[in-house]
Amino acid sequence: MTLTASESLKGTWVSIFRRKGGDGTYTRLFDNLDATQRSTLFAVLKLRESELPVIGSVQDSGNWLVLTTERLVWSIRGERREVAANTVRDATADLKQLQRSDSKLEMRQLQVVTMGDGEYPIELEPGAPLSGVWNVLKNLGARNRSAVEKAR
């Protein structure tokens, strides 16, 4: 049985998330979310036919995030944002914020940088969950930059 491109991508990202981070209380691999968390996310996001959910985060009804094989969708304080996965160029941390805090284990925010130079803050559970998501987004950005280079 051959994997679809979405299944293969999901497998790669699941592996990176497990290796470089891990599940937390409210930020986890989507398949590891509890039923209530999954239903909360399905209520705010209708998956496309070819799209697979990879990582989910549900802090409360106004603060959540889903990374699928096709897009990153999130809400901070009820403000919903969405970027196509193939437009993500990088994920970075605010180094000034990092210097002000005692440890990167307390860091809760990343900046998602898109190919069009847009920058969007996302908030995640600190520690292993944030680290896992950061590394997955870094992988996604590297894939996209490589695809642009090959197209030239």
C-alpha atoms as a PDB file:
ATOM      1  CA  MET A   1       0.000   0.000   0.000  1.00  0.00           C
ATOM      2  CA  THR A   2       1.470   3.324  -1.056  1.00  0.00           C
ATOM      3  CA  LEU A   3       1.047   6.439   1.038  1.00  0.00           C
ATOM      4  CA  THR A   4      -0.507   9.559  -0.412  1.00  0.00           C
ATOM      5  CA  ALA A   5       1.593  12.739  -0.380  1.00  0.00           C
ATOM      6  CA  SER A   6      -0.486  13.996   2.585  1.00  0.00           C
ATOM      7  CA  GLU A   7       0.013  10.753   4.540  1.00  0.00           C
ATOM      8  CA  SER A   8       3.749  10.832   3.891  1.00  0.00           C
ATOM      9  CA  LEU A   9       4.012  14.481   4.964  1.00  0.00           C
ATOM     10  CA  LYS A  10       1.973  13.818   8.107  1.00  0.00           C
ATOM     11  CA  GLY A  11       4.257  10.871   8.965  1.00  0.00           C
ATOM     12  CA  THR A  12       7.352  13.049   8.592  1.00  0.00           C
ATOM     13  CA  TRP A  13       5.937  15.814  10.790  1.00  0.00           C
ATOM     14  CA  VAL A  14       4.682  13.379  13.440  1.00  0.00           C
ATOM     15  CA  SER A  15       8.194  11.928  13.617  1.00  0.00           C
ATOM     16  CA  ILE A  16       9.797  15.388  13.937  1.00  0.00           C
ATOM     17  CA  PHE A  17       7.297  16.449  16.630  1.00  0.00           C
ATOM     18  CA  ARG A  18       7.991  13.303  18.669  1.00  0.00           C
ATOM     19  CA  ARG A  19      11.783  13.555  18.257  1.00  0.00           C
ATOM     20  CA  LYS A  20      12.167  17.294  18.868  1.00  0.00           C
ATOM     21  CA  GLY A  21       9.310  17.958  21.277  1.00  0.00           C
ATOM     22  CA  GLY A  22       6.278  16.089  22.491  1.00  0.00           C
ATOM     23  CA  ASP A  23       2.674  16.195  23.621  1.00  0.00           C
ATOM     24  CA  GLY A  24       1.644  18.572  26.366  1.00  0.00           C
ATOM     25  CA  THR A  25      -1.606  19.223  28.185  1.00  0.00           C
ATOM     26  CA  TYR A  26      -3.333  21.132  25.386  1.00  0.00           C
ATOM     27  CA  THR A  27      -0.867  21.014  22.466  1.00  0.00           C
ATOM     28  CA  ARG A  28      -0.485  17.534  21.004  1.00  0.00           C
ATOM     29  CA  LEU A  29      -0.295  15.470  17.902  1.00  0.00           C
ATOM     30  CA  PHE A  30      -3.845  15.720  16.565  1.00  0.00           C
ATOM     31  CA  ASP A  31      -4.438  11.979  16.895  1.00  0.00           C
ATOM     32  CA  ASN A  32      -3.487  12.220  20.599  1.00  0.00           C
ATOM     33  CA  LEU A  33      -5.944  14.998  21.468  1.00  0.00           C
ATOM     34  CA  ASP A  34      -8.859  13.928  23.613  1.00  0.00           C
ATOM     35  CA  ALA A  35     -12.321  13.714  22.038  1.00  0.00           C
ATOM     36  CA  THR A  36     -13.422  17.096  23.448  1.00  0.00           C
ATOM     37  CA  GLN A  37     -10.345  18.867  22.059  1.00  0.00           C
ATOM     38  CA  ARG A  38     -10.805  17.250  18.629  1.00  0.00           C
ATOM     39  CA  SER A  39     -14.503  18.150  18.492  1.00  0.00           C
ATOM     40  CA  THR A  40     -13.669  21.770  19.454  1.00  0.00           C
ATOM     41  CA  LEU A  41     -11.248  21.967  16.517  1.00  0.00           C
ATOM     42  CA  PHE A  42     -13.599  20.228  14.071  1.00  0.00           C
ATOM     43  CA  ALA A  43     -16.281  22.778  15.040  1.00  0.00           C
ATOM     44  CA  VAL A  44     -14.059  25.661  13.864  1.00  0.00           C
ATOM     45  CA  LEU A  45     -12.299  23.967  10.946  1.00  0.00           C
ATOM     46  CA  LYS A  46     -13.734  21.962   8.090  1.00  0.00           C
ATOM     47  CA  LEU A  47     -11.027  19.756   6.618  1.00  0.00           C
ATOM     48  CA  ARG A  48     -10.645  19.559   2.870  1.00  0.00           C
ATOM     49  CA  GLU A  49     -10.836  16.121   1.283  1.00  0.00           C
ATOM     50  CA  SER A  50      -7.065  15.761   0.800  1.00  0.00           C
ATOM     51  CA  GLU A  51      -6.114  17.464   4.083  1.00  0.00           C
ATOM     52  CA  LEU A  52      -4.905  15.628   7.195  1.00  0.00           C
ATOM     53  CA  PRO A  53      -4.665  17.208  10.663  1.00  0.00           C
ATOM     54  CA  VAL A  54      -1.191  16.843  12.201  1.00  0.00           C
ATOM     55  CA  ILE A  55      -0.958  18.976  15.359  1.00  0.00           C
ATOM     56  CA  GLY A  56      -3.712  20.518  17.447  1.00  0.00           C
ATOM     57  CA  SER A  57      -3.748  22.896  20.380  1.00  0.00           C
ATOM     58  CA  VAL A  58      -6.832  23.889  22.369  1.00  0.00           C
ATOM     59  CA  GLN A  59      -6.275  26.207  25.293  1.00  0.00           C
ATOM     60  CA  ASP A  60      -9.886  27.430  25.233  1.00  0.00           C
ATOM     61  CA  SER A  61     -12.548  28.415  22.672  1.00  0.00           C
ATOM     62  CA  GLY A  62     -10.702  31.631  21.726  1.00  0.00           C
ATOM     63  CA  ASN A  63      -7.147  30.259  21.712  1.00  0.00           C
ATOM     64  CA  TRP A  64      -6.469  27.270  19.510  1.00  0.00           C
ATOM     65  CA  LEU A  65      -4.292  26.092  16.615  1.00  0.00           C
ATOM     66  CA  VAL A  66      -4.367  23.346  13.987  1.00  0.00           C
ATOM     67  CA  LEU A  67      -1.553  22.439  11.612  1.00  0.00           C
ATOM     68  CA  THR A  68      -2.754  20.307   8.726  1.00  0.00           C
ATOM     69  CA  THR A  69      -0.921  19.043   5.689  1.00  0.00           C
ATOM     70  CA  GLU A  70      -2.341  22.031   3.776  1.00  0.00           C
ATOM     71  CA  ARG A  71      -2.608  24.964   6.181  1.00  0.00           C
ATOM     72  CA  LEU A  72      -1.961  26.478   9.573  1.00  0.00           C
ATOM     73  CA  VAL A  73      -5.121  27.850  11.197  1.00  0.00           C
ATOM     74  CA  TRP A  74      -5.214  29.471  14.624  1.00  0.00           C
ATOM     75  CA  SER A  75      -7.061  31.847  16.895  1.00  0.00           C
ATOM     76  CA  ILE A  76      -5.570  34.138  19.538  1.00  0.00           C
ATOM     77  CA  ARG A  77      -8.135  35.798  21.809  1.00  0.00           C
ATOM     78  CA  GLY A  78     -10.851  34.958  19.278  1.00  0.00           C
ATOM     79  CA  GLU A  79      -9.034  36.447  16.271  1.00  0.00           C
ATOM     80  CA  ARG A  80      -8.808  33.724  13.614  1.00  0.00           C
ATOM     81  CA  ARG A  81      -5.917  33.573  11.138  1.00  0.00           C
ATOM     82  CA  GLU A  82      -4.988  31.132   8.403  1.00  0.00           C
ATOM     83  CA  VAL A  83      -1.982  30.639   6.134  1.00  0.00           C
ATOM     84  CA  ALA A  84      -1.509  28.026   3.446  1.00  0.00           C
ATOM     85  CA  ALA A  85       1.190  25.516   4.400  1.00  0.00           C
ATOM     86  CA  ASN A  86       3.015  26.077   1.118  1.00  0.00           C
ATOM     87  CA  THR A  87       3.463  29.796   1.946  1.00  0.00           C
ATOM     88  CA  VAL A  88       5.303  29.250   5.258  1.00  0.00           C
ATOM     89  CA  ARG A  89       8.946  30.330   4.896  1.00  0.00           C
ATOM     90  CA  ASP A  90      10.132  30.010   8.504  1.00  0.00           C
ATOM     91  CA  ALA A  91       9.218  30.037  12.174  1.00  0.00           C
ATOM     92  CA  THR A  92      11.220  32.219  14.522  1.00  0.00           C
ATOM     93  CA  ALA A  93      11.300  33.200  18.168  1.00  0.00           C
ATOM     94  CA  ASP A  94      11.360  36.737  19.501  1.00  0.00           C
ATOM     95  CA  LEU A  95      14.923  36.794  20.820  1.00  0.00           C
ATOM     96  CA  LYS A  96      14.330  39.926  22.909  1.00  0.00           C
ATOM     97  CA  GLN A  97      11.413  38.195  24.636  1.00  0.00           C
ATOM     98  CA  LEU A  98      13.603  35.128  25.114  1.00  0.00           C
ATOM     99  CA  GLN A  99      16.337  37.210  26.785  1.00  0.00           C
ATOM    100  CA  ARG A 100      13.780  38.772  29.145  1.00  0.00           C
ATOM    101  CA  SER A 101      12.487  35.390  30.296  1.00  0.00           C
ATOM    102  CA  ASP A 102      14.531  33.052  32.454  1.00  0.00           C
ATOM    103  CA  SER A 103      14.386  30.169  30.054  1.00  0.00           C
ATOM    104  CA  LYS A 104      13.205  29.181  26.621  1.00  0.00           C
ATOM    105  CA  LEU A 105      11.083  26.595  28.452  1.00  0.00           C
ATOM    106  CA  GLU A 106       8.780  29.500  29.386  1.00  0.00           C
ATOM    107  CA  MET A 107       8.482  30.781  25.814  1.00  0.00           C
ATOM    108  CA  ARG A 108       4.903  30.651  24.493  1.00  0.00           C
ATOM    109  CA  GLN A 109       5.059  32.497  21.191  1.00  0.00           C
ATOM    110  CA  LEU A 110       6.562  31.919  17.752  1.00  0.00           C
ATOM    111  CA  GLN A 111       6.468  34.090  14.642  1.00  0.00           C
ATOM    112  CA  VAL A 112       5.376  32.361  11.451  1.00  0.00           C
ATOM    113  CA  VAL A 113       7.048  34.059   8.479  1.00  0.00           C
ATOM    114  CA  THR A 114       5.420  33.617   5.070  1.00  0.00           C
ATOM    115  CA  MET A 115       6.886  33.759   1.567  1.00  0.00           C
ATOM    116  CA  GLY A 116       5.156  37.120   1.113  1.00  0.00           C
ATOM    117  CA  ASP A 117       7.086  38.437   4.141  1.00  0.00           C
ATOM    118  CA  GLY A 118       4.023  38.452   6.366  1.00  0.00           C
ATOM    119  CA  GLU A 119       4.756  37.672  10.026  1.00  0.00           C
ATOM    120  CA  TYR A 120       2.132  36.187  12.296  1.00  0.00           C
ATOM    121  CA  PRO A 121       2.383  35.396  16.018  1.00  0.00           C
ATOM    122  CA  ILE A 122       1.134  32.023  17.202  1.00  0.00           C
ATOM    123  CA  GLU A 123       0.818  30.994  20.834  1.00  0.00           C
ATOM    124  CA  LEU A 124       1.538  27.499  22.092  1.00  0.00           C
ATOM    125  CA  GLU A 125       2.025  25.546  25.265  1.00  0.00           C
ATOM    126  CA  PRO A 126       5.605  26.173  26.482  1.00  0.00           C
ATOM    127  CA  GLY A 127       8.296  23.500  26.641  1.00  0.00           C
ATOM    128  CA  ALA A 128       8.277  20.318  24.578  1.00  0.00           C
ATOM    129  CA  PRO A 129       5.021  21.107  22.691  1.00  0.00           C
ATOM    130  CA  LEU A 130       6.324  24.496  21.488  1.00  0.00           C
ATOM    131  CA  SER A 131       9.668  22.942  20.575  1.00  0.00           C
ATOM    132  CA  GLY A 132       7.957  20.196  18.582  1.00  0.00           C
ATOM    133  CA  VAL A 133       5.754  22.636  16.659  1.00  0.00           C
ATOM    134  CA  TRP A 134       8.709  24.963  16.049  1.00  0.00           C
ATOM    135  CA  ASN A 135      10.758  22.153  14.516  1.00  0.00           C
ATOM    136  CA  VAL A 136       7.851  20.987  12.349  1.00  0.00           C
ATOM    137  CA  LEU A 137       7.319  24.553  11.078  1.00  0.00           C
ATOM    138  CA  LYS A 138      11.078  24.892  10.430  1.00  0.00           C
ATOM    139  CA  ASN A 139      10.888  21.684   8.347  1.00  0.00           C
ATOM    140  CA  LEU A 140       7.870  23.039   6.477  1.00  0.00           C
ATOM    141  CA  GLY A 141       9.675  26.312   5.725  1.00  0.00           C
ATOM    142  CA  ALA A 142      12.795  24.494   4.509  1.00  0.00           C
ATOM    143  CA  ARG A 143      10.660  22.333   2.189  1.00  0.00           C
ATOM    144  CA  ASN A 144       8.956  25.414   0.768  1.00  0.00           C
ATOM    145  CA  ARG A 145      12.207  27.327   0.264  1.00  0.00           C
ATOM    146  CA  SER A 146      13.710  24.280  -1.454  1.00  0.00           C
ATOM    147  CA  ALA A 147      10.687  23.980  -3.768  1.00  0.00           C
ATOM    148  CA  VAL A 148      11.060  27.660  -4.742  1.00  0.00           C
ATOM    149  CA  GLU A 149      14.777  27.150  -5.470  1.00  0.00           C
ATOM    150  CA  LYS A 150      14.058  24.097  -7.640  1.00  0.00           C
ATOM    151  CA  ALA A 151      11.417  26.034  -9.572  1.00  0.00           C
ATOM    152  CA  ARG A 152      13.970  28.692 -10.564  1.00  0.00           C
END
